Amino acid sequence: MTKIILTRHGHVDWIAPERFRGRADLRLTDLGLAQARATSQCIRSSWTVTAIYTSPMSRCVRTAEIIAQPFGLEAQGMEALSDIDYGEWQGLTPDAVRARWPEELELWYRRPDLARIPGGEMLPDVLSRAARALRSVLDRHPEDTVVLVGHDSINRVILLHALELSLSRYWRFGQLPCAINEIDATADGFYVRAMNQAWHLHEL
């Protein structure tokens, strides 16, 4: 069995007020760094980790480095864990997007599985690379505990894939910064043991 500890990067500036972050290379804020340290402590106290894989975006790389430090590991970049490509929406607020692409934005919030972001990815594209990332990790670590550090979008899609749910359910659960998800991968499939756990961040 492979145990996957799936987490999101720590806080960055564009979370609130909200902007479409995507491939913008944002650094962790002071709060984000504190969240990463708390997540590192939580993971260290609960699991013995063999490997850590991360999106190549700096907010994830820094989070992964902090998680890796107590284990003496080096986080490995994995392009397939990158955030969704928001194309022409990147860096814009939802209101700014609504002013130019009202129908596309409405579809994104109502049926994200069908939405086509101008110049960006569709969720089925994200699912394809998420499944590829999972298969690569499982092939390399058939009996290990590994950490994956990703983004709101890629983590939601990984969880939907593990639960065998449609991408239309994309908005049905959240992914807080540095929240922890626990997934067991066995010969019979995936078992999601915990989702969006953030108790370790409550005192920050």
C-alpha atoms as a PDB file:
ATOM      1  CA  MET A   1       0.000   0.000   0.000  1.00  0.00           C
ATOM      2  CA  THR A   2       1.125   3.539  -0.762  1.00  0.00           C
ATOM      3  CA  LYS A   3       0.035   6.253   1.649  1.00  0.00           C
ATOM      4  CA  ILE A   4      -0.257   9.685   0.057  1.00  0.00           C
ATOM      5  CA  ILE A   5      -0.235  12.785   2.249  1.00  0.00           C
ATOM      6  CA  LEU A   6      -1.621  15.454  -0.046  1.00  0.00           C
ATOM      7  CA  THR A   7      -1.285  19.064   1.042  1.00  0.00           C
ATOM      8  CA  ARG A   8      -1.609  22.511  -0.454  1.00  0.00           C
ATOM      9  CA  HIS A   9       0.974  25.285  -0.326  1.00  0.00           C
ATOM     10  CA  GLY A  10       0.786  27.925   2.390  1.00  0.00           C
ATOM     11  CA  HIS A  11      -0.901  31.310   2.181  1.00  0.00           C
ATOM     12  CA  VAL A  12      -0.035  33.731  -0.643  1.00  0.00           C
ATOM     13  CA  ASP A  13      -1.214  37.266  -1.313  1.00  0.00           C
ATOM     14  CA  TRP A  14      -3.719  36.507  -4.062  1.00  0.00           C
ATOM     15  CA  ILE A  15      -5.882  34.220  -1.924  1.00  0.00           C
ATOM     16  CA  ALA A  16      -7.646  37.214  -0.357  1.00  0.00           C
ATOM     17  CA  PRO A  17      -8.698  39.433  -2.012  1.00  0.00           C
ATOM     18  CA  GLU A  18      -9.133  36.633  -4.528  1.00  0.00           C
ATOM     19  CA  ARG A  19      -7.351  36.580  -7.870  1.00  0.00           C
ATOM     20  CA  PHE A  20      -6.920  33.756 -10.343  1.00  0.00           C
ATOM     21  CA  ARG A  21      -3.423  32.582  -9.377  1.00  0.00           C
ATOM     22  CA  GLY A  22      -2.647  29.724 -11.739  1.00  0.00           C
ATOM     23  CA  ARG A  23       0.917  29.849 -13.055  1.00  0.00           C
ATOM     24  CA  ALA A  24       1.796  33.162 -11.363  1.00  0.00           C
ATOM     25  CA  ASP A  25       4.903  32.473  -9.300  1.00  0.00           C
ATOM     26  CA  LEU A  26       3.818  33.820  -5.918  1.00  0.00           C
ATOM     27  CA  ARG A  27       5.901  33.602  -2.758  1.00  0.00           C
ATOM     28  CA  LEU A  28       4.604  32.473   0.614  1.00  0.00           C
ATOM     29  CA  THR A  29       3.600  35.243   2.995  1.00  0.00           C
ATOM     30  CA  ASP A  30       4.746  35.205   6.628  1.00  0.00           C
ATOM     31  CA  LEU A  31       1.473  33.432   7.432  1.00  0.00           C
ATOM     32  CA  GLY A  32       2.170  30.927   4.667  1.00  0.00           C
ATOM     33  CA  LEU A  33       5.613  30.173   6.100  1.00  0.00           C
ATOM     34  CA  ALA A  34       4.105  29.639   9.563  1.00  0.00           C
ATOM     35  CA  GLN A  35       1.478  27.315   8.057  1.00  0.00           C
ATOM     36  CA  ALA A  36       4.177  25.306   6.286  1.00  0.00           C
ATOM     37  CA  ARG A  37       6.146  24.914   9.522  1.00  0.00           C
ATOM     38  CA  ALA A  38       3.041  23.779  11.415  1.00  0.00           C
ATOM     39  CA  THR A  39       2.233  21.306   8.639  1.00  0.00           C
ATOM     40  CA  SER A  40       5.786  19.980   8.735  1.00  0.00           C
ATOM     41  CA  GLN A  41       5.493  19.360  12.467  1.00  0.00           C
ATOM     42  CA  CYS A  42       2.115  17.665  12.041  1.00  0.00           C
ATOM     43  CA  ILE A  43       3.354  15.334   9.317  1.00  0.00           C
ATOM     44  CA  ARG A  44       6.562  14.512  11.202  1.00  0.00           C
ATOM     45  CA  SER A  45       4.582  13.566  14.309  1.00  0.00           C
ATOM     46  CA  SER A  46       2.205  11.298  12.381  1.00  0.00           C
ATOM     47  CA  TRP A  47       4.094   9.580   9.551  1.00  0.00           C
ATOM     48  CA  THR A  48       7.511   8.431   8.391  1.00  0.00           C
ATOM     49  CA  VAL A  49       7.854   9.922   4.935  1.00  0.00           C
ATOM     50  CA  THR A  50      10.003   8.367   2.211  1.00  0.00           C
ATOM     51  CA  ALA A  51       9.684  10.995  -0.542  1.00  0.00           C
ATOM     52  CA  ILE A  52       8.195  14.421  -1.210  1.00  0.00           C
ATOM     53  CA  TYR A  53       6.980  15.608  -4.611  1.00  0.00           C
ATOM     54  CA  THR A  54       5.946  19.163  -5.365  1.00  0.00           C
ATOM     55  CA  SER A  55       4.554  21.437  -8.003  1.00  0.00           C
ATOM     56  CA  PRO A  56       7.433  23.485  -9.464  1.00  0.00           C
ATOM     57  CA  MET A  57       5.751  26.758  -8.463  1.00  0.00           C
ATOM     58  CA  SER A  58       7.796  28.524  -5.772  1.00  0.00           C
ATOM     59  CA  ARG A  59       4.933  28.650  -3.246  1.00  0.00           C
ATOM     60  CA  CYS A  60       4.771  24.842  -3.348  1.00  0.00           C
ATOM     61  CA  VAL A  61       8.531  24.316  -3.530  1.00  0.00           C
ATOM     62  CA  ARG A  62       9.072  26.391  -0.378  1.00  0.00           C
ATOM     63  CA  THR A  63       6.266  24.572   1.439  1.00  0.00           C
ATOM     64  CA  ALA A  64       7.740  21.227   0.384  1.00  0.00           C
ATOM     65  CA  GLU A  65      11.249  22.231   1.503  1.00  0.00           C
ATOM     66  CA  ILE A  66       9.951  23.040   4.979  1.00  0.00           C
ATOM     67  CA  ILE A  67       8.058  19.737   5.180  1.00  0.00           C
ATOM     68  CA  ALA A  68      11.091  17.803   3.911  1.00  0.00           C
ATOM     69  CA  GLN A  69      13.632  19.262   6.340  1.00  0.00           C
ATOM     70  CA  PRO A  70      12.867  17.090   9.425  1.00  0.00           C
ATOM     71  CA  PHE A  71      13.089  13.941   7.292  1.00  0.00           C
ATOM     72  CA  GLY A  72      16.401  14.887   5.691  1.00  0.00           C
ATOM     73  CA  LEU A  73      14.769  14.636   2.262  1.00  0.00           C
ATOM     74  CA  GLU A  74      15.002  16.757  -0.855  1.00  0.00           C
ATOM     75  CA  ALA A  75      11.668  17.676  -2.401  1.00  0.00           C
ATOM     76  CA  GLN A  76      11.406  16.631  -6.033  1.00  0.00           C
ATOM     77  CA  GLY A  77       9.649  18.819  -8.588  1.00  0.00           C
ATOM     78  CA  MET A  78       6.823  17.266 -10.599  1.00  0.00           C
ATOM     79  CA  GLU A  79       5.425  19.359 -13.453  1.00  0.00           C
ATOM     80  CA  ALA A  80       2.153  17.418 -13.463  1.00  0.00           C
ATOM     81  CA  LEU A  81       1.319  18.853 -10.005  1.00  0.00           C
ATOM     82  CA  SER A  82       1.292  22.447 -11.322  1.00  0.00           C
ATOM     83  CA  ASP A  83      -1.703  24.687 -10.744  1.00  0.00           C
ATOM     84  CA  ILE A  84      -4.354  24.961 -13.437  1.00  0.00           C
ATOM     85  CA  ASP A  85      -3.399  27.270 -16.300  1.00  0.00           C
ATOM     86  CA  TYR A  86      -5.872  30.156 -16.095  1.00  0.00           C
ATOM     87  CA  GLY A  87      -4.734  31.624 -19.400  1.00  0.00           C
ATOM     88  CA  GLU A  88      -6.127  35.118 -19.898  1.00  0.00           C
ATOM     89  CA  TRP A  89      -7.743  35.074 -16.457  1.00  0.00           C
ATOM     90  CA  GLN A  90      -4.466  34.808 -14.572  1.00  0.00           C
ATOM     91  CA  GLY A  91      -3.924  37.685 -12.158  1.00  0.00           C
ATOM     92  CA  LEU A  92      -7.483  39.000 -12.544  1.00  0.00           C
ATOM     93  CA  THR A  93     -10.171  39.211  -9.885  1.00  0.00           C
ATOM     94  CA  PRO A  94     -13.457  37.362 -10.483  1.00  0.00           C
ATOM     95  CA  ASP A  95     -15.163  40.739 -11.030  1.00  0.00           C
ATOM     96  CA  ALA A  96     -12.636  41.680 -13.720  1.00  0.00           C
ATOM     97  CA  VAL A  97     -13.149  38.330 -15.436  1.00  0.00           C
ATOM     98  CA  ARG A  98     -16.932  38.693 -15.215  1.00  0.00           C
ATOM     99  CA  ALA A  99     -16.746  42.066 -16.970  1.00  0.00           C
ATOM    100  CA  ARG A 100     -15.046  40.506 -20.035  1.00  0.00           C
ATOM    101  CA  TRP A 101     -16.142  36.850 -20.017  1.00  0.00           C
ATOM    102  CA  PRO A 102     -19.464  36.687 -18.116  1.00  0.00           C
ATOM    103  CA  GLU A 103     -20.749  33.495 -19.749  1.00  0.00           C
ATOM    104  CA  GLU A 104     -17.450  31.638 -19.402  1.00  0.00           C
ATOM    105  CA  LEU A 105     -17.118  32.603 -15.734  1.00  0.00           C
ATOM    106  CA  GLU A 106     -20.708  31.621 -14.979  1.00  0.00           C
ATOM    107  CA  LEU A 107     -20.063  28.206 -16.527  1.00  0.00           C
ATOM    108  CA  TRP A 108     -16.837  27.858 -14.513  1.00  0.00           C
ATOM    109  CA  TYR A 109     -18.780  28.230 -11.277  1.00  0.00           C
ATOM    110  CA  ARG A 110     -21.838  26.215 -12.421  1.00  0.00           C
ATOM    111  CA  ARG A 111     -20.294  23.387 -14.493  1.00  0.00           C
ATOM    112  CA  PRO A 112     -16.521  23.588 -14.098  1.00  0.00           C
ATOM    113  CA  ASP A 113     -16.073  20.295 -15.930  1.00  0.00           C
ATOM    114  CA  LEU A 114     -17.387  21.934 -19.124  1.00  0.00           C
ATOM    115  CA  ALA A 115     -15.813  25.376 -18.777  1.00  0.00           C
ATOM    116  CA  ARG A 116     -13.212  26.495 -21.289  1.00  0.00           C
ATOM    117  CA  ILE A 117     -10.899  29.153 -19.846  1.00  0.00           C
ATOM    118  CA  PRO A 118      -9.642  31.490 -22.621  1.00  0.00           C
ATOM    119  CA  GLY A 119      -6.061  30.552 -23.351  1.00  0.00           C
ATOM    120  CA  GLY A 120      -5.975  28.095 -20.423  1.00  0.00           C
ATOM    121  CA  GLU A 121      -6.722  24.532 -19.425  1.00  0.00           C
ATOM    122  CA  MET A 122      -9.963  22.648 -19.015  1.00  0.00           C
ATOM    123  CA  LEU A 123     -10.463  20.453 -15.958  1.00  0.00           C
ATOM    124  CA  PRO A 124     -10.220  17.226 -18.018  1.00  0.00           C
ATOM    125  CA  ASP A 125      -6.692  18.372 -18.962  1.00  0.00           C
ATOM    126  CA  VAL A 126      -5.858  18.789 -15.277  1.00  0.00           C
ATOM    127  CA  LEU A 127      -7.311  15.349 -14.523  1.00  0.00           C
ATOM    128  CA  SER A 128      -5.154  13.761 -17.198  1.00  0.00           C
ATOM    129  CA  ARG A 129      -1.937  15.051 -15.677  1.00  0.00           C
ATOM    130  CA  ALA A 130      -3.133  14.416 -12.106  1.00  0.00           C
ATOM    131  CA  ALA A 131      -3.725  10.755 -12.961  1.00  0.00           C
ATOM    132  CA  ARG A 132      -0.307  10.635 -14.609  1.00  0.00           C
ATOM    133  CA  ALA A 133       1.326  12.068 -11.477  1.00  0.00           C
ATOM    134  CA  LEU A 134      -0.408   9.539  -9.236  1.00  0.00           C
ATOM    135  CA  ARG A 135       0.584   6.624 -11.458  1.00  0.00           C
ATOM    136  CA  SER A 136       4.211   7.763 -11.427  1.00  0.00           C
ATOM    137  CA  VAL A 137       4.249   8.051  -7.626  1.00  0.00           C
ATOM    138  CA  LEU A 138       2.603   4.658  -7.128  1.00  0.00           C
ATOM    139  CA  ASP A 139       5.020   2.974  -9.528  1.00  0.00           C
ATOM    140  CA  ARG A 140       8.011   4.436  -7.658  1.00  0.00           C
ATOM    141  CA  HIS A 141       6.674   3.881  -4.128  1.00  0.00           C
ATOM    142  CA  PRO A 142       4.499   0.759  -3.927  1.00  0.00           C
ATOM    143  CA  GLU A 143       4.947   0.423  -0.129  1.00  0.00           C
ATOM    144  CA  ASP A 144       5.929   3.925   1.024  1.00  0.00           C
ATOM    145  CA  THR A 145       4.441   7.047   2.550  1.00  0.00           C
ATOM    146  CA  VAL A 146       4.882  10.058   0.289  1.00  0.00           C
ATOM    147  CA  VAL A 147       3.908  13.722   0.465  1.00  0.00           C
ATOM    148  CA  LEU A 148       2.502  15.590  -2.530  1.00  0.00           C
ATOM    149  CA  VAL A 149       2.469  19.397  -2.344  1.00  0.00           C
ATOM    150  CA  GLY A 150       0.069  20.956  -4.802  1.00  0.00           C
ATOM    151  CA  HIS A 151      -2.544  23.643  -5.317  1.00  0.00           C
ATOM    152  CA  ASP A 152      -6.245  24.116  -4.682  1.00  0.00           C
ATOM    153  CA  SER A 153      -7.147  22.999  -8.210  1.00  0.00           C
ATOM    154  CA  ILE A 154      -4.841  19.998  -8.656  1.00  0.00           C
ATOM    155  CA  ASN A 155      -5.632  18.737  -5.151  1.00  0.00           C
ATOM    156  CA  ARG A 156      -9.391  18.905  -5.749  1.00  0.00           C
ATOM    157  CA  VAL A 157      -8.963  16.972  -8.981  1.00  0.00           C
ATOM    158  CA  ILE A 158      -6.752  14.328  -7.330  1.00  0.00           C
ATOM    159  CA  LEU A 159      -9.365  13.840  -4.612  1.00  0.00           C
ATOM    160  CA  LEU A 160     -12.199  13.569  -7.141  1.00  0.00           C
ATOM    161  CA  HIS A 161     -10.170  10.986  -9.047  1.00  0.00           C
ATOM    162  CA  ALA A 162      -9.480   8.995  -5.869  1.00  0.00           C
ATOM    163  CA  LEU A 163     -13.173   9.091  -4.940  1.00  0.00           C
ATOM    164  CA  GLU A 164     -14.242   8.197  -8.510  1.00  0.00           C
ATOM    165  CA  LEU A 165     -16.411  11.312  -8.666  1.00  0.00           C
ATOM    166  CA  SER A 166     -17.176  13.501 -11.663  1.00  0.00           C
ATOM    167  CA  LEU A 167     -15.290  16.726 -12.253  1.00  0.00           C
ATOM    168  CA  SER A 168     -18.686  18.426 -12.009  1.00  0.00           C
ATOM    169  CA  ARG A 169     -18.291  18.027  -8.207  1.00  0.00           C
ATOM    170  CA  TYR A 170     -15.203  20.249  -8.228  1.00  0.00           C
ATOM    171  CA  TRP A 171     -16.763  22.929  -5.998  1.00  0.00           C
ATOM    172  CA  ARG A 172     -18.308  20.493  -3.470  1.00  0.00           C
ATOM    173  CA  PHE A 173     -15.372  20.599  -1.034  1.00  0.00           C
ATOM    174  CA  GLY A 174     -12.559  22.947  -0.087  1.00  0.00           C
ATOM    175  CA  GLN A 175      -8.775  22.916   0.116  1.00  0.00           C
ATOM    176  CA  LEU A 176      -7.425  25.344   2.695  1.00  0.00           C
ATOM    177  CA  PRO A 177      -3.780  26.452   2.527  1.00  0.00           C
ATOM    178  CA  CYS A 178      -1.618  23.697   4.068  1.00  0.00           C
ATOM    179  CA  ALA A 179      -4.629  21.481   4.808  1.00  0.00           C
ATOM    180  CA  ILE A 180      -3.815  17.768   4.924  1.00  0.00           C
ATOM    181  CA  ASN A 181      -5.546  15.011   2.942  1.00  0.00           C
ATOM    182  CA  GLU A 182      -4.709  11.337   3.559  1.00  0.00           C
ATOM    183  CA  ILE A 183      -5.159   8.807   0.759  1.00  0.00           C
ATOM    184  CA  ASP A 184      -4.330   5.092   0.785  1.00  0.00           C
ATOM    185  CA  ALA A 185      -3.663   3.466  -2.578  1.00  0.00           C
ATOM    186  CA  THR A 186      -4.079  -0.319  -2.645  1.00  0.00           C
ATOM    187  CA  ALA A 187      -4.528  -2.952  -5.316  1.00  0.00           C
ATOM    188  CA  ASP A 188      -8.286  -2.454  -4.890  1.00  0.00           C
ATOM    189  CA  GLY A 189      -8.192   1.302  -5.460  1.00  0.00           C
ATOM    190  CA  PHE A 190      -7.974   4.508  -3.482  1.00  0.00           C
ATOM    191  CA  TYR A 191      -9.312   5.070   0.024  1.00  0.00           C
ATOM    192  CA  VAL A 192      -9.592   8.672   1.217  1.00  0.00           C
ATOM    193  CA  ARG A 193      -8.959   8.636   4.967  1.00  0.00           C
ATOM    194  CA  ALA A 194      -9.072  12.395   5.631  1.00  0.00           C
ATOM    195  CA  MET A 195      -9.814  15.569   3.674  1.00  0.00           C
ATOM    196  CA  ASN A 196      -8.997  19.249   4.229  1.00  0.00           C
ATOM    197  CA  GLN A 197      -7.726  18.706   7.779  1.00  0.00           C
ATOM    198  CA  ALA A 198      -6.523  22.005   9.235  1.00  0.00           C
ATOM    199  CA  TRP A 199      -6.622  21.526  13.007  1.00  0.00           C
ATOM    200  CA  HIS A 200      -2.833  21.930  13.146  1.00  0.00           C
ATOM    201  CA  LEU A 201      -3.238  25.517  11.880  1.00  0.00           C
ATOM    202  CA  HIS A 202      -5.845  26.749  14.337  1.00  0.00           C
ATOM    203  CA  GLU A 203      -3.456  28.686  16.581  1.00  0.00           C
ATOM    204  CA  LEU A 204      -1.829  30.639  13.738  1.00  0.00           C
END
